[in-house]
Amino acid sequence: MFFIGIFGFIVRKNMIAILISLELILNAVEINFAVFNRYLYPEQLDGMFFTLFGIAITAAETAVALAIIINAYRSIGNIDVNNMNKMKG
């Protein structure tokens, strides 16, 4: 899942698709926290707390990213990454 996210992040040109790929990367990391916690320390909940904290951070990051994407769409009229050079000038 992590490498699918990396591939999508590199290949995609649409900002929404890049955001979804970034979410895949972060979800893969959170799954690893939960799995390694259950495998190595089944009686402790440290990995589960890290996972919940990661989900909260991911939700906040998504909200900020969507606000930036909406603002870019209002300015340019397109959310293609190649058209972001128009915002510079």
N, C-alpha and C. Protein backbone atom coordinates (compact mmCIF):
# COMPACT_ATOMS: atom_id res chain seq x y z
N MET A 1 0.83 -1.18 0.00
CA MET A 1 0.00 0.00 0.00
C MET A 1 0.88 1.26 0.00
N PHE A 2 1.99 1.17 0.71
CA PHE A 2 2.92 2.30 0.77
C PHE A 2 3.48 2.61 -0.62
N PHE A 3 3.90 1.58 -1.34
CA PHE A 3 4.50 1.80 -2.65
C PHE A 3 3.48 2.21 -3.70
N ILE A 4 2.24 1.77 -3.55
CA ILE A 4 1.18 2.25 -4.44
C ILE A 4 0.99 3.75 -4.24
N GLY A 5 1.04 4.19 -2.99
CA GLY A 5 0.94 5.62 -2.69
C GLY A 5 2.10 6.41 -3.25
N ILE A 6 3.32 5.87 -3.11
CA ILE A 6 4.50 6.54 -3.66
C ILE A 6 4.39 6.65 -5.18
N PHE A 7 3.98 5.56 -5.82
CA PHE A 7 3.82 5.57 -7.28
C PHE A 7 2.78 6.60 -7.71
N GLY A 8 1.65 6.62 -7.03
CA GLY A 8 0.61 7.59 -7.37
C GLY A 8 1.05 9.01 -7.12
N PHE A 9 1.83 9.24 -6.08
CA PHE A 9 2.32 10.58 -5.77
C PHE A 9 3.27 11.08 -6.85
N ILE A 10 4.08 10.19 -7.39
CA ILE A 10 5.05 10.58 -8.41
C ILE A 10 4.40 10.74 -9.78
N VAL A 11 3.47 9.85 -10.12
CA VAL A 11 2.94 9.79 -11.48
C VAL A 11 1.80 10.78 -11.71
N ARG A 12 0.95 11.00 -10.74
CA ARG A 12 -0.27 11.80 -10.94
C ARG A 12 0.03 13.28 -11.12
N LYS A 13 -0.83 13.95 -11.86
CA LYS A 13 -0.70 15.39 -12.09
C LYS A 13 -1.84 16.17 -11.43
N ASN A 14 -2.92 15.50 -11.07
CA ASN A 14 -4.06 16.14 -10.43
C ASN A 14 -3.80 16.25 -8.92
N MET A 15 -4.07 17.41 -8.35
CA MET A 15 -3.75 17.63 -6.94
C MET A 15 -4.60 16.76 -6.02
N ILE A 16 -5.83 16.47 -6.38
CA ILE A 16 -6.68 15.59 -5.58
C ILE A 16 -6.12 14.17 -5.59
N ALA A 17 -5.67 13.69 -6.74
CA ALA A 17 -5.09 12.36 -6.83
C ALA A 17 -3.78 12.28 -6.04
N ILE A 18 -3.02 13.34 -6.02
CA ILE A 18 -1.79 13.38 -5.22
C ILE A 18 -2.13 13.34 -3.75
N LEU A 19 -3.18 14.03 -3.34
CA LEU A 19 -3.61 14.00 -1.95
C LEU A 19 -4.08 12.60 -1.54
N ILE A 20 -4.81 11.93 -2.41
CA ILE A 20 -5.24 10.56 -2.13
C ILE A 20 -4.04 9.63 -2.01
N SER A 21 -3.04 9.82 -2.86
CA SER A 21 -1.83 9.00 -2.77
C SER A 21 -1.09 9.26 -1.46
N LEU A 22 -1.05 10.49 -1.03
CA LEU A 22 -0.43 10.82 0.25
C LEU A 22 -1.19 10.17 1.40
N GLU A 23 -2.51 10.11 1.29
CA GLU A 23 -3.32 9.44 2.31
C GLU A 23 -3.01 7.94 2.34
N LEU A 24 -2.80 7.35 1.18
CA LEU A 24 -2.42 5.93 1.14
C LEU A 24 -1.10 5.69 1.86
N ILE A 25 -0.15 6.57 1.66
CA ILE A 25 1.15 6.44 2.32
C ILE A 25 0.98 6.53 3.83
N LEU A 26 0.24 7.51 4.30
CA LEU A 26 0.05 7.68 5.74
C LEU A 26 -0.75 6.55 6.34
N ASN A 27 -1.74 6.02 5.63
CA ASN A 27 -2.51 4.89 6.14
C ASN A 27 -1.66 3.63 6.22
N ALA A 28 -0.73 3.45 5.30
CA ALA A 28 0.17 2.30 5.36
C ALA A 28 1.05 2.37 6.61
N VAL A 29 1.51 3.56 6.93
CA VAL A 29 2.32 3.74 8.14
C VAL A 29 1.49 3.45 9.39
N GLU A 30 0.25 3.90 9.40
CA GLU A 30 -0.61 3.67 10.56
C GLU A 30 -0.95 2.19 10.72
N ILE A 31 -1.14 1.49 9.62
CA ILE A 31 -1.36 0.04 9.69
C ILE A 31 -0.13 -0.64 10.27
N ASN A 32 1.06 -0.19 9.90
CA ASN A 32 2.28 -0.77 10.46
C ASN A 32 2.38 -0.54 11.96
N PHE A 33 2.00 0.65 12.42
CA PHE A 33 1.99 0.90 13.87
C PHE A 33 1.11 -0.11 14.59
N ALA A 34 -0.10 -0.31 14.08
CA ALA A 34 -1.04 -1.22 14.74
C ALA A 34 -0.57 -2.67 14.68
N VAL A 35 -0.07 -3.09 13.52
CA VAL A 35 0.35 -4.49 13.36
C VAL A 35 1.58 -4.81 14.20
N PHE A 36 2.58 -3.94 14.17
CA PHE A 36 3.78 -4.21 14.95
C PHE A 36 3.49 -4.15 16.45
N ASN A 37 2.57 -3.29 16.85
CA ASN A 37 2.20 -3.27 18.26
C ASN A 37 1.54 -4.59 18.66
N ARG A 38 0.63 -5.08 17.84
CA ARG A 38 -0.06 -6.33 18.15
C ARG A 38 0.90 -7.51 18.12
N TYR A 39 1.87 -7.48 17.20
CA TYR A 39 2.80 -8.60 17.06
C TYR A 39 3.87 -8.60 18.15
N LEU A 40 4.47 -7.46 18.43
CA LEU A 40 5.59 -7.41 19.37
C LEU A 40 5.15 -7.26 20.82
N TYR A 41 4.14 -6.44 21.07
CA TYR A 41 3.70 -6.17 22.44
C TYR A 41 2.18 -6.30 22.51
N PRO A 42 1.64 -7.50 22.52
CA PRO A 42 0.17 -7.65 22.46
C PRO A 42 -0.56 -7.13 23.70
N GLU A 43 0.14 -7.01 24.81
CA GLU A 43 -0.53 -6.55 26.03
C GLU A 43 -0.52 -5.04 26.19
N GLN A 44 0.25 -4.32 25.37
CA GLN A 44 0.33 -2.87 25.47
C GLN A 44 -0.42 -2.21 24.31
N LEU A 45 -0.79 -0.96 24.50
CA LEU A 45 -1.56 -0.25 23.49
C LEU A 45 -0.83 0.95 22.91
N ASP A 46 0.48 0.98 23.02
CA ASP A 46 1.24 2.14 22.54
C ASP A 46 1.08 2.35 21.04
N GLY A 47 1.16 1.28 20.26
CA GLY A 47 1.01 1.40 18.81
C GLY A 47 -0.38 1.85 18.41
N MET A 48 -1.38 1.42 19.18
CA MET A 48 -2.75 1.85 18.89
C MET A 48 -2.92 3.35 19.13
N PHE A 49 -2.29 3.85 20.19
CA PHE A 49 -2.35 5.28 20.46
C PHE A 49 -1.62 6.08 19.39
N PHE A 50 -0.48 5.58 18.92
CA PHE A 50 0.22 6.23 17.82
C PHE A 50 -0.65 6.24 16.56
N THR A 51 -1.37 5.14 16.33
CA THR A 51 -2.25 5.06 15.18
C THR A 51 -3.38 6.08 15.27
N LEU A 52 -4.01 6.19 16.43
CA LEU A 52 -5.07 7.17 16.60
C LEU A 52 -4.55 8.59 16.45
N PHE A 53 -3.37 8.85 16.98
CA PHE A 53 -2.75 10.17 16.82
C PHE A 53 -2.45 10.44 15.35
N GLY A 54 -1.96 9.43 14.64
CA GLY A 54 -1.68 9.57 13.21
C GLY A 54 -2.93 9.83 12.40
N ILE A 55 -4.04 9.18 12.77
CA ILE A 55 -5.31 9.42 12.07
C ILE A 55 -5.76 10.85 12.28
N ALA A 56 -5.60 11.37 13.49
CA ALA A 56 -5.99 12.76 13.77
C ALA A 56 -5.13 13.74 12.97
N ILE A 57 -3.83 13.49 12.92
CA ILE A 57 -2.93 14.35 12.15
C ILE A 57 -3.26 14.27 10.67
N THR A 58 -3.57 13.09 10.17
CA THR A 58 -3.92 12.92 8.76
C THR A 58 -5.20 13.67 8.42
N ALA A 59 -6.18 13.63 9.32
CA ALA A 59 -7.43 14.36 9.07
C ALA A 59 -7.19 15.86 9.02
N ALA A 60 -6.35 16.37 9.92
CA ALA A 60 -6.03 17.80 9.90
C ALA A 60 -5.27 18.17 8.64
N GLU A 61 -4.34 17.34 8.24
CA GLU A 61 -3.56 17.59 7.02
C GLU A 61 -4.44 17.58 5.79
N THR A 62 -5.42 16.69 5.75
CA THR A 62 -6.34 16.63 4.62
C THR A 62 -7.21 17.87 4.54
N ALA A 63 -7.66 18.35 5.68
CA ALA A 63 -8.49 19.56 5.69
C ALA A 63 -7.72 20.76 5.18
N VAL A 64 -6.48 20.91 5.61
CA VAL A 64 -5.65 22.03 5.15
C VAL A 64 -5.33 21.89 3.66
N ALA A 65 -5.01 20.67 3.23
CA ALA A 65 -4.69 20.46 1.82
C ALA A 65 -5.89 20.72 0.92
N LEU A 66 -7.08 20.30 1.35
CA LEU A 66 -8.27 20.58 0.54
C LEU A 66 -8.57 22.07 0.48
N ALA A 67 -8.32 22.79 1.57
CA ALA A 67 -8.51 24.24 1.54
C ALA A 67 -7.55 24.89 0.56
N ILE A 68 -6.31 24.43 0.52
CA ILE A 68 -5.33 24.97 -0.43
C ILE A 68 -5.74 24.63 -1.87
N ILE A 69 -6.21 23.41 -2.08
CA ILE A 69 -6.62 23.00 -3.43
C ILE A 69 -7.82 23.81 -3.90
N ILE A 70 -8.79 24.04 -3.02
CA ILE A 70 -9.96 24.85 -3.39
C ILE A 70 -9.54 26.27 -3.71
N ASN A 71 -8.63 26.82 -2.92
CA ASN A 71 -8.14 28.18 -3.19
C ASN A 71 -7.39 28.24 -4.52
N ALA A 72 -6.60 27.23 -4.82
CA ALA A 72 -5.89 27.19 -6.10
C ALA A 72 -6.89 27.06 -7.26
N TYR A 73 -7.94 26.29 -7.08
CA TYR A 73 -8.95 26.14 -8.13
C TYR A 73 -9.68 27.46 -8.37
N ARG A 74 -9.95 28.18 -7.31
CA ARG A 74 -10.62 29.47 -7.48
C ARG A 74 -9.72 30.48 -8.19
N SER A 75 -8.42 30.40 -7.94
CA SER A 75 -7.49 31.34 -8.57
C SER A 75 -7.22 31.01 -10.03
N ILE A 76 -7.00 29.74 -10.30
CA ILE A 76 -6.56 29.32 -11.63
C ILE A 76 -7.71 28.75 -12.46
N GLY A 77 -8.61 28.02 -11.82
CA GLY A 77 -9.67 27.35 -12.55
C GLY A 77 -9.32 25.93 -12.94
N ASN A 78 -8.18 25.45 -12.47
CA ASN A 78 -7.71 24.11 -12.78
C ASN A 78 -6.84 23.64 -11.62
N ILE A 79 -6.87 22.34 -11.33
CA ILE A 79 -6.04 21.84 -10.22
C ILE A 79 -4.94 20.91 -10.72
N ASP A 80 -4.53 21.11 -11.97
CA ASP A 80 -3.42 20.35 -12.53
C ASP A 80 -2.11 20.93 -11.99
N VAL A 81 -1.20 20.07 -11.60
CA VAL A 81 0.07 20.50 -11.01
C VAL A 81 0.90 21.30 -12.01
N ASN A 82 0.80 20.97 -13.27
CA ASN A 82 1.57 21.69 -14.29
C ASN A 82 1.15 23.15 -14.42
N ASN A 83 -0.06 23.49 -14.02
CA ASN A 83 -0.56 24.86 -14.13
C ASN A 83 -0.27 25.70 -12.89
N MET A 84 0.44 25.18 -11.93
CA MET A 84 0.71 25.92 -10.70
C MET A 84 1.73 27.03 -10.91
N ASN A 85 2.44 27.05 -12.04
CA ASN A 85 3.36 28.14 -12.33
C ASN A 85 2.65 29.45 -12.56
N LYS A 86 1.36 29.40 -12.88
CA LYS A 86 0.59 30.61 -13.11
C LYS A 86 0.38 31.39 -11.82
N MET A 87 0.50 30.74 -10.68
CA MET A 87 0.28 31.40 -9.40
C MET A 87 1.48 32.25 -9.00
N LYS A 88 2.62 32.04 -9.59
CA LYS A 88 3.83 32.76 -9.22
C LYS A 88 3.78 34.23 -9.60
N GLY A 89 3.18 34.53 -10.71
CA GLY A 89 3.31 35.85 -11.24
C GLY A 89 2.22 36.79 -10.96
